[in-house]
């Protein structure tokens, strides 16, 4: 018997990466999972992986910038299985434009806000009434280490991820009396399929440079975040709400001067490392 038997979960961006691993982890523990994504080929592949392992999964094409599709996603899960217990807000597009206040366009800003903050708000708006009917539920949103610290030229991404933390805390106060827990996770660098293609396939020498930034001396795997998502959705976390949980190998606890010295030593010792421009 799984600890999530008879529970129903939605994972946005559930085809690959963090969302894909989270969907598999929840299904492996007995949840019935609706994979919501724009990539139906990848969603079908992940759903088949879940079914082949004995789990239950369906998929739905969802563009989370469209409010009607978010509402339809919630209704589809309830239509399939009669209830909704878990909502994992994970979807994000790496194609989003970014920049500073001087360079980011207003259109890019508005689209980024719809993609993350508005979709998290609307997901809760439509999911909470169903969770309330059955006495509670769990909402987990994927923020980022970038929601706790900032880097140059990443304004839209970092405002969104910091906003997810504030939204999580606020909704936890509103929805707690309904038995609904709301938490966020702040990953460090996670080697998803996309990140593998973006970084390591083209420049494997940079991997040690990234790993040296983490006290644990490794970057993360999607399964690292999926384990945290799973925990926050189970009764083991029944007294945890409003938390922004870093799952980052210790990245956000380091003093920058110590980190800089560590990286400088690494580069001197390994001149073969090709740093990005």
Protein backbone atom coordinates (compact mmCIF):
# COMPACT_ATOMS: atom_id res chain seq x y z
CA UNK A 1 0.00 0.00 0.00
CA UNK A 2 1.30 3.42 -0.95
CA UNK A 3 0.98 6.42 1.33
CA UNK A 4 -0.75 8.30 -1.49
CA UNK A 5 -3.20 5.56 -2.49
CA UNK A 6 -6.53 6.93 -3.78
CA UNK A 7 -5.18 10.48 -4.00
CA UNK A 8 -5.25 12.49 -7.20
CA UNK A 9 -2.41 14.73 -8.33
CA UNK A 10 -1.84 17.23 -11.13
CA UNK A 11 1.72 18.07 -12.17
CA UNK A 12 2.16 20.97 -14.57
CA UNK A 13 5.17 20.61 -16.82
CA UNK A 14 4.93 16.95 -15.90
CA UNK A 15 6.42 15.51 -19.07
CA UNK A 16 10.14 15.87 -18.33
CA UNK A 17 12.66 17.24 -15.88
CA UNK A 18 11.55 18.08 -12.35
CA UNK A 19 7.89 17.70 -13.29
CA UNK A 20 8.47 14.38 -14.99
CA UNK A 21 10.34 12.95 -12.01
CA UNK A 22 7.72 14.33 -9.62
CA UNK A 23 4.89 12.71 -11.58
CA UNK A 24 6.70 9.35 -11.47
CA UNK A 25 7.47 9.65 -7.75
CA UNK A 26 3.87 10.48 -6.81
CA UNK A 27 2.51 7.69 -9.02
CA UNK A 28 4.97 5.18 -7.57
CA UNK A 29 3.47 5.92 -4.14
CA UNK A 30 -0.08 5.28 -5.31
CA UNK A 31 -1.33 8.65 -6.57
CA UNK A 32 -3.29 8.91 -9.79
CA UNK A 33 -1.47 11.57 -11.78
CA UNK A 34 -2.59 13.96 -14.50
CA UNK A 35 0.42 15.15 -16.50
CA UNK A 36 -0.27 18.65 -17.82
CA UNK A 37 2.15 19.87 -20.49
CA UNK A 38 2.43 21.43 -23.94
CA UNK A 39 4.73 18.66 -25.20
CA UNK A 40 2.35 15.78 -25.78
CA UNK A 41 5.00 13.42 -27.15
CA UNK A 42 7.09 13.74 -23.99
CA UNK A 43 3.97 13.60 -21.81
CA UNK A 44 2.87 10.37 -23.49
CA UNK A 45 6.31 8.87 -22.96
CA UNK A 46 6.28 9.74 -19.26
CA UNK A 47 2.72 8.48 -18.81
CA UNK A 48 3.76 5.17 -20.38
CA UNK A 49 6.74 4.94 -18.02
CA UNK A 50 4.37 5.36 -15.10
CA UNK A 51 1.91 2.78 -16.40
CA UNK A 52 4.69 0.30 -17.18
CA UNK A 53 5.75 0.56 -13.54
CA UNK A 54 2.21 -0.20 -12.37
CA UNK A 55 1.06 3.37 -11.79
CA UNK A 56 -1.90 5.37 -13.04
CA UNK A 57 -1.39 8.40 -15.28
CA UNK A 58 -3.24 10.41 -17.87
CA UNK A 59 -2.09 13.45 -19.83
CA UNK A 60 -3.62 16.70 -20.96
CA UNK A 61 -2.31 19.42 -23.24
CA UNK A 62 -2.29 22.60 -21.16
CA UNK A 63 -0.91 26.07 -21.83
CA UNK A 64 -0.75 27.58 -18.35
CA UNK A 65 -0.77 31.13 -19.72
CA UNK A 66 -4.42 30.49 -20.67
CA UNK A 67 -6.77 30.75 -17.65
CA UNK A 68 -9.47 28.62 -19.27
CA UNK A 69 -6.98 25.81 -19.78
CA UNK A 70 -5.94 25.92 -16.12
CA UNK A 71 -9.58 25.66 -15.07
CA UNK A 72 -10.10 22.85 -17.56
CA UNK A 73 -7.06 21.01 -16.21
CA UNK A 74 -8.53 20.98 -12.70
CA UNK A 75 -11.93 19.87 -13.95
CA UNK A 76 -10.37 17.10 -16.06
CA UNK A 77 -8.64 15.56 -13.04
CA UNK A 78 -11.89 15.63 -11.05
CA UNK A 79 -13.79 14.21 -14.02
CA UNK A 80 -11.31 11.34 -14.33
CA UNK A 81 -11.01 10.39 -10.67
CA UNK A 82 -13.66 12.26 -8.67
CA UNK A 83 -11.39 14.38 -6.52
CA UNK A 84 -8.20 16.44 -6.33
CA UNK A 85 -5.65 16.16 -3.53
CA UNK A 86 -2.35 17.48 -4.91
CA UNK A 87 -1.36 20.29 -7.26
CA UNK A 88 2.29 20.65 -8.27
CA UNK A 89 2.97 23.97 -10.02
CA UNK A 90 6.15 23.28 -11.95
CA UNK A 91 5.75 24.44 -15.55
CA UNK A 92 8.13 27.06 -16.95
CA UNK A 93 9.48 27.84 -20.40
CA UNK A 94 13.23 28.19 -20.93
CA UNK A 95 12.37 30.13 -24.09
CA UNK A 96 11.27 33.11 -21.99
CA UNK A 97 13.04 36.38 -22.69
CA UNK A 98 14.96 37.96 -19.87
CA UNK A 99 17.07 41.02 -19.19
CA UNK A 100 17.22 44.05 -16.94
CA UNK A 101 14.69 46.84 -16.37
CA UNK A 102 16.42 48.62 -19.27
CA UNK A 103 16.23 45.78 -21.79
CA UNK A 104 13.24 43.58 -20.92
CA UNK A 105 10.19 44.33 -23.04
CA UNK A 106 6.80 44.94 -21.48
CA UNK A 107 5.33 42.09 -23.50
CA UNK A 108 8.01 39.68 -22.26
CA UNK A 109 7.38 40.79 -18.67
CA UNK A 110 3.62 40.27 -18.98
CA UNK A 111 4.04 36.83 -20.54
CA UNK A 112 6.49 35.74 -17.82
CA UNK A 113 4.10 36.87 -15.09
CA UNK A 114 1.28 34.86 -16.70
CA UNK A 115 3.49 31.82 -17.06
CA UNK A 116 4.42 31.64 -13.38
CA UNK A 117 2.73 33.93 -10.86
CA UNK A 118 -0.68 34.13 -12.48
CA UNK A 119 -0.75 30.40 -13.20
CA UNK A 120 0.10 29.55 -9.58
CA UNK A 121 -2.64 31.89 -8.36
CA UNK A 122 -5.21 30.47 -10.78
CA UNK A 123 -4.21 26.89 -10.07
CA UNK A 124 -4.94 27.44 -6.40
CA UNK A 125 -8.14 29.37 -7.17
CA UNK A 126 -9.60 26.47 -9.13
CA UNK A 127 -8.10 23.61 -7.12
CA UNK A 128 -8.89 24.82 -3.60
CA UNK A 129 -12.70 24.41 -3.81
CA UNK A 130 -12.31 20.72 -4.70
CA UNK A 131 -9.73 20.20 -1.96
CA UNK A 132 -11.99 21.95 0.54
CA UNK A 133 -14.84 19.53 -0.21
CA UNK A 134 -12.76 16.55 0.89
CA UNK A 135 -11.19 18.24 3.91
CA UNK A 136 -7.83 19.33 2.54
CA UNK A 137 -5.00 18.93 0.10
CA UNK A 138 -1.47 19.99 -0.77
CA UNK A 139 -0.19 22.59 -3.22
CA UNK A 140 3.54 22.59 -4.00
CA UNK A 141 5.09 25.20 -6.29
CA UNK A 142 8.58 25.09 -7.74
CA UNK A 143 10.45 28.32 -7.00
CA UNK A 144 14.25 28.45 -7.31
CA UNK A 145 17.48 29.40 -5.60
CA UNK A 146 17.01 32.45 -7.84
CA UNK A 147 13.98 33.30 -5.72
CA UNK A 148 16.33 33.68 -2.73
CA UNK A 149 19.35 35.22 -4.48
CA UNK A 150 19.67 37.18 -7.71
CA UNK A 151 21.93 37.37 -10.75
CA UNK A 152 22.38 40.05 -13.37
CA UNK A 153 20.04 40.06 -16.35
CA UNK A 154 17.48 37.62 -14.92
CA UNK A 155 14.83 40.07 -13.74
CA UNK A 156 11.66 38.37 -14.97
CA UNK A 157 12.75 34.91 -13.85
CA UNK A 158 13.87 36.02 -10.40
CA UNK A 159 10.88 38.27 -9.71
CA UNK A 160 8.63 35.36 -10.63
CA UNK A 161 10.47 32.87 -8.44
CA UNK A 162 10.62 35.27 -5.49
CA UNK A 163 6.94 35.99 -6.06
CA UNK A 164 6.15 32.28 -5.85
CA UNK A 165 7.62 32.28 -2.33
CA UNK A 166 5.52 35.28 -1.24
CA UNK A 167 2.42 33.81 -2.88
CA UNK A 168 3.06 30.48 -1.16
CA UNK A 169 3.22 32.12 2.26
CA UNK A 170 0.14 34.24 1.67
CA UNK A 171 -1.97 31.35 0.35
CA UNK A 172 -0.85 29.17 3.25
CA UNK A 173 -2.49 31.64 5.65
CA UNK A 174 -5.71 31.82 3.63
CA UNK A 175 -6.06 28.13 2.81
CA UNK A 176 -4.74 26.62 6.05
CA UNK A 177 -8.15 26.81 7.77
CA UNK A 178 -9.51 24.71 4.90
CA UNK A 179 -6.97 21.96 5.53
CA UNK A 180 -4.92 22.92 2.46
CA UNK A 181 -1.15 23.13 2.88
CA UNK A 182 0.82 25.35 0.51
CA UNK A 183 4.60 25.04 0.17
CA UNK A 184 7.37 25.90 -2.27
CA UNK A 185 10.68 24.28 -3.19
CA UNK A 186 13.79 26.24 -4.22
CA UNK A 187 16.03 24.01 -6.36
CA UNK A 188 19.63 24.74 -7.22
CA UNK A 189 21.05 23.72 -10.60
CA UNK A 190 19.22 20.57 -11.66
CA UNK A 191 20.43 18.51 -14.61
CA UNK A 192 17.18 18.01 -16.49
CA UNK A 193 17.01 16.82 -20.08
CA UNK A 194 16.91 20.45 -21.18
CA UNK A 195 19.85 21.51 -19.03
CA UNK A 196 21.90 18.53 -20.18
CA UNK A 197 21.44 19.60 -23.79
CA UNK A 198 21.95 23.29 -22.99
CA UNK A 199 25.14 22.98 -20.94
CA UNK A 200 26.85 19.64 -20.64
CA UNK A 201 26.45 18.17 -24.12
CA UNK A 202 28.21 21.22 -25.59
CA UNK A 203 30.69 21.93 -22.82
CA UNK A 204 31.29 18.99 -20.45
CA UNK A 205 34.43 20.65 -19.05
CA UNK A 206 32.24 23.21 -17.27
CA UNK A 207 30.58 20.56 -15.09
CA UNK A 208 33.30 20.66 -12.39
CA UNK A 209 32.94 24.46 -12.24
CA UNK A 210 29.22 24.14 -11.48
CA UNK A 211 29.76 21.32 -9.00
CA UNK A 212 32.38 23.34 -7.10
CA UNK A 213 29.73 25.97 -6.30
CA UNK A 214 27.90 23.49 -4.09
CA UNK A 215 29.08 22.39 -0.62
CA UNK A 216 28.02 18.86 -1.55
CA UNK A 217 30.20 19.10 -4.68
CA UNK A 218 27.53 17.94 -7.08
CA UNK A 219 24.65 19.44 -8.98
CA UNK A 220 21.14 18.13 -8.56
CA UNK A 221 19.03 15.51 -10.32
CA UNK A 222 15.29 15.79 -11.01
CA UNK A 223 14.81 12.96 -8.52
CA UNK A 224 16.26 15.15 -5.75
CA UNK A 225 13.44 17.64 -6.20
CA UNK A 226 10.83 14.94 -6.77
CA UNK A 227 11.67 13.45 -3.37
CA UNK A 228 10.99 16.81 -1.72
CA UNK A 229 7.75 17.27 -3.68
CA UNK A 230 6.62 13.82 -2.59
CA UNK A 231 7.42 14.49 1.07
CA UNK A 232 5.49 17.78 1.11
CA UNK A 233 2.46 16.01 -0.40
CA UNK A 234 2.34 13.22 2.19
CA UNK A 235 0.92 13.12 5.70
CA UNK A 236 4.49 13.10 7.00
CA UNK A 237 4.44 16.85 6.24
CA UNK A 238 0.97 17.42 7.71
CA UNK A 239 2.18 20.24 10.01
CA UNK A 240 4.29 21.99 7.36
CA UNK A 241 2.88 24.92 5.41
CA UNK A 242 4.11 28.25 4.07
CA UNK A 243 7.66 26.95 3.71
CA UNK A 244 10.15 27.78 0.93
CA UNK A 245 12.39 24.72 1.13
CA UNK A 246 15.85 25.03 -0.48
CA UNK A 247 16.87 21.77 -2.14
CA UNK A 248 20.12 23.08 -3.50
CA UNK A 249 23.06 21.08 -2.15
CA UNK A 250 23.87 24.02 0.15
CA UNK A 251 24.26 26.62 -2.62
CA UNK A 252 22.38 29.37 -0.79
CA UNK A 253 24.26 29.09 2.52
CA UNK A 254 27.71 30.13 1.27
CA UNK A 255 29.44 33.48 1.66
CA UNK A 256 30.21 34.80 -1.80
CA UNK A 257 33.84 35.66 -1.01
CA UNK A 258 34.54 32.08 0.05
CA UNK A 259 32.78 30.75 -3.03
CA UNK A 260 34.77 33.08 -5.28
CA UNK A 261 38.09 31.92 -3.82
CA UNK A 262 37.06 28.28 -4.17
CA UNK A 263 36.16 28.73 -7.83
CA UNK A 264 39.35 30.67 -8.56
CA UNK A 265 41.44 27.82 -7.15
CA UNK A 266 39.47 25.31 -9.23
CA UNK A 267 40.05 27.22 -12.47
CA UNK A 268 43.78 27.56 -11.76
CA UNK A 269 44.03 23.84 -11.08
CA UNK A 270 41.97 22.88 -14.15
CA UNK A 271 42.81 25.19 -17.08
CA UNK A 272 40.85 22.90 -19.41
CA UNK A 273 37.57 24.21 -18.02
CA UNK A 274 35.79 26.28 -20.67
CA UNK A 275 33.73 28.93 -18.93
CA UNK A 276 30.68 30.44 -20.69
CA UNK A 277 31.02 33.85 -22.30
